[in-house]
C-alpha atoms as a PDB file:
ATOM      1  CA  UNK A   1      -1.734 -16.062  -3.287  1.00  0.00           C
ATOM      2  CA  UNK A   2      -4.626 -16.264  -5.732  1.00  0.00           C
ATOM      3  CA  UNK A   3      -6.567 -13.707  -3.694  1.00  0.00           C
ATOM      4  CA  UNK A   4      -3.702 -11.210  -3.698  1.00  0.00           C
ATOM      5  CA  UNK A   5      -3.111 -11.559  -7.445  1.00  0.00           C
ATOM      6  CA  UNK A   6      -6.840 -11.236  -8.160  1.00  0.00           C
ATOM      7  CA  UNK A   7      -7.065  -8.127  -5.992  1.00  0.00           C
ATOM      8  CA  UNK A   8      -4.158  -6.562  -7.874  1.00  0.00           C
ATOM      9  CA  UNK A   9      -5.794  -7.351 -11.218  1.00  0.00           C
ATOM     10  CA  UNK A  10      -9.120  -5.953 -10.026  1.00  0.00           C
ATOM     11  CA  UNK A  11      -7.528  -2.708  -8.849  1.00  0.00           C
ATOM     12  CA  UNK A  12      -5.554  -2.198 -12.024  1.00  0.00           C
ATOM     13  CA  UNK A  13      -8.041  -3.317 -14.672  1.00  0.00           C
ATOM     14  CA  UNK A  14     -11.532  -3.051 -13.162  1.00  0.00           C
ATOM     15  CA  UNK A  15     -12.270   0.151 -15.086  1.00  0.00           C
ATOM     16  CA  UNK A  16     -11.435  -1.624 -18.350  1.00  0.00           C
ATOM     17  CA  UNK A  17     -13.607  -4.693 -17.692  1.00  0.00           C
ATOM     18  CA  UNK A  18     -17.198  -4.974 -18.785  1.00  0.00           C
ATOM     19  CA  UNK A  19     -19.878  -6.241 -16.402  1.00  0.00           C
ATOM     20  CA  UNK A  20     -19.169  -9.875 -17.233  1.00  0.00           C
ATOM     21  CA  UNK A  21     -15.424  -9.461 -16.657  1.00  0.00           C
ATOM     22  CA  UNK A  22     -16.061  -7.781 -13.312  1.00  0.00           C
ATOM     23  CA  UNK A  23     -18.395 -10.627 -12.388  1.00  0.00           C
ATOM     24  CA  UNK A  24     -15.655 -13.185 -13.114  1.00  0.00           C
ATOM     25  CA  UNK A  25     -13.111 -11.250 -11.061  1.00  0.00           C
ATOM     26  CA  UNK A  26     -15.680 -11.219  -8.245  1.00  0.00           C
ATOM     27  CA  UNK A  27     -16.076 -14.997  -8.510  1.00  0.00           C
ATOM     28  CA  UNK A  28     -12.308 -15.403  -8.329  1.00  0.00           C
ATOM     29  CA  UNK A  29     -12.050 -13.194  -5.255  1.00  0.00           C
ATOM     30  CA  UNK A  30     -14.909 -15.016  -3.518  1.00  0.00           C
ATOM     31  CA  UNK A  31     -13.429 -18.427  -4.266  1.00  0.00           C
ATOM     32  CA  UNK A  32      -9.991 -17.371  -3.088  1.00  0.00           C
ATOM     33  CA  UNK A  33     -11.516 -16.037   0.122  1.00  0.00           C
ATOM     34  CA  UNK A  34     -13.282 -19.342   0.749  1.00  0.00           C
ATOM     35  CA  UNK A  35     -10.042 -21.218   0.089  1.00  0.00           C
ATOM     36  CA  UNK A  36      -8.167 -19.020   2.558  1.00  0.00           C
ATOM     37  CA  UNK A  37     -10.887 -19.558   5.157  1.00  0.00           C
ATOM     38  CA  UNK A  38     -10.763 -23.326   4.611  1.00  0.00           C
ATOM     39  CA  UNK A  39      -6.972 -23.435   5.008  1.00  0.00           C
ATOM     40  CA  UNK A  40      -6.831 -21.258   8.145  1.00  0.00           C
ATOM     41  CA  UNK A  41      -7.730 -23.997  10.678  1.00  0.00           C
ATOM     42  CA  UNK A  42      -5.020 -26.283   9.288  1.00  0.00           C
ATOM     43  CA  UNK A  43      -2.461 -23.477   9.510  1.00  0.00           C
ATOM     44  CA  UNK A  44      -3.459 -22.687  13.089  1.00  0.00           C
ATOM     45  CA  UNK A  45      -3.243 -26.355  14.026  1.00  0.00           C
ATOM     46  CA  UNK A  46       0.196 -26.672  12.443  1.00  0.00           C
ATOM     47  CA  UNK A  47       1.598 -23.579  14.157  1.00  0.00           C
ATOM     48  CA  UNK A  48       0.137 -24.597  17.511  1.00  0.00           C
ATOM     49  CA  UNK A  49       1.565 -28.112  17.224  1.00  0.00           C
ATOM     50  CA  UNK A  50       5.000 -26.702  16.399  1.00  0.00           C
ATOM     51  CA  UNK A  51       4.832 -24.272  19.311  1.00  0.00           C
ATOM     52  CA  UNK A  52       3.689 -26.990  21.719  1.00  0.00           C
ATOM     53  CA  UNK A  53       6.559 -29.164  20.604  1.00  0.00           C
ATOM     54  CA  UNK A  54       9.024 -26.320  21.135  1.00  0.00           C
ATOM     55  CA  UNK A  55       7.551 -25.474  24.555  1.00  0.00           C
ATOM     56  CA  UNK A  56       6.464 -21.938  23.617  1.00  0.00           C
ATOM     57  CA  UNK A  57       3.359 -20.487  25.229  1.00  0.00           C
ATOM     58  CA  UNK A  58       0.339 -19.543  23.103  1.00  0.00           C
ATOM     59  CA  UNK A  59      -2.309 -17.112  24.327  1.00  0.00           C
ATOM     60  CA  UNK A  60      -4.389 -16.326  21.212  1.00  0.00           C
ATOM     61  CA  UNK A  61      -4.253 -16.514  17.443  1.00  0.00           C
ATOM     62  CA  UNK A  62      -5.309 -13.536  15.316  1.00  0.00           C
ATOM     63  CA  UNK A  63      -8.508 -14.109  13.369  1.00  0.00           C
END
């Protein structure tokens, strides 16, 4: 959610930001990307455990 909002802000206002403002938006986007990457394994585990419990077959998960 933070990544999406930051991307929208960057698209809309990047031309109006000075170098420091663009740097801060970049930090926000990088941090949000790391947070998404850190949460992904937990989400995959949760979905796979729910599917196993329901008896559904799993072949692969999108990366």
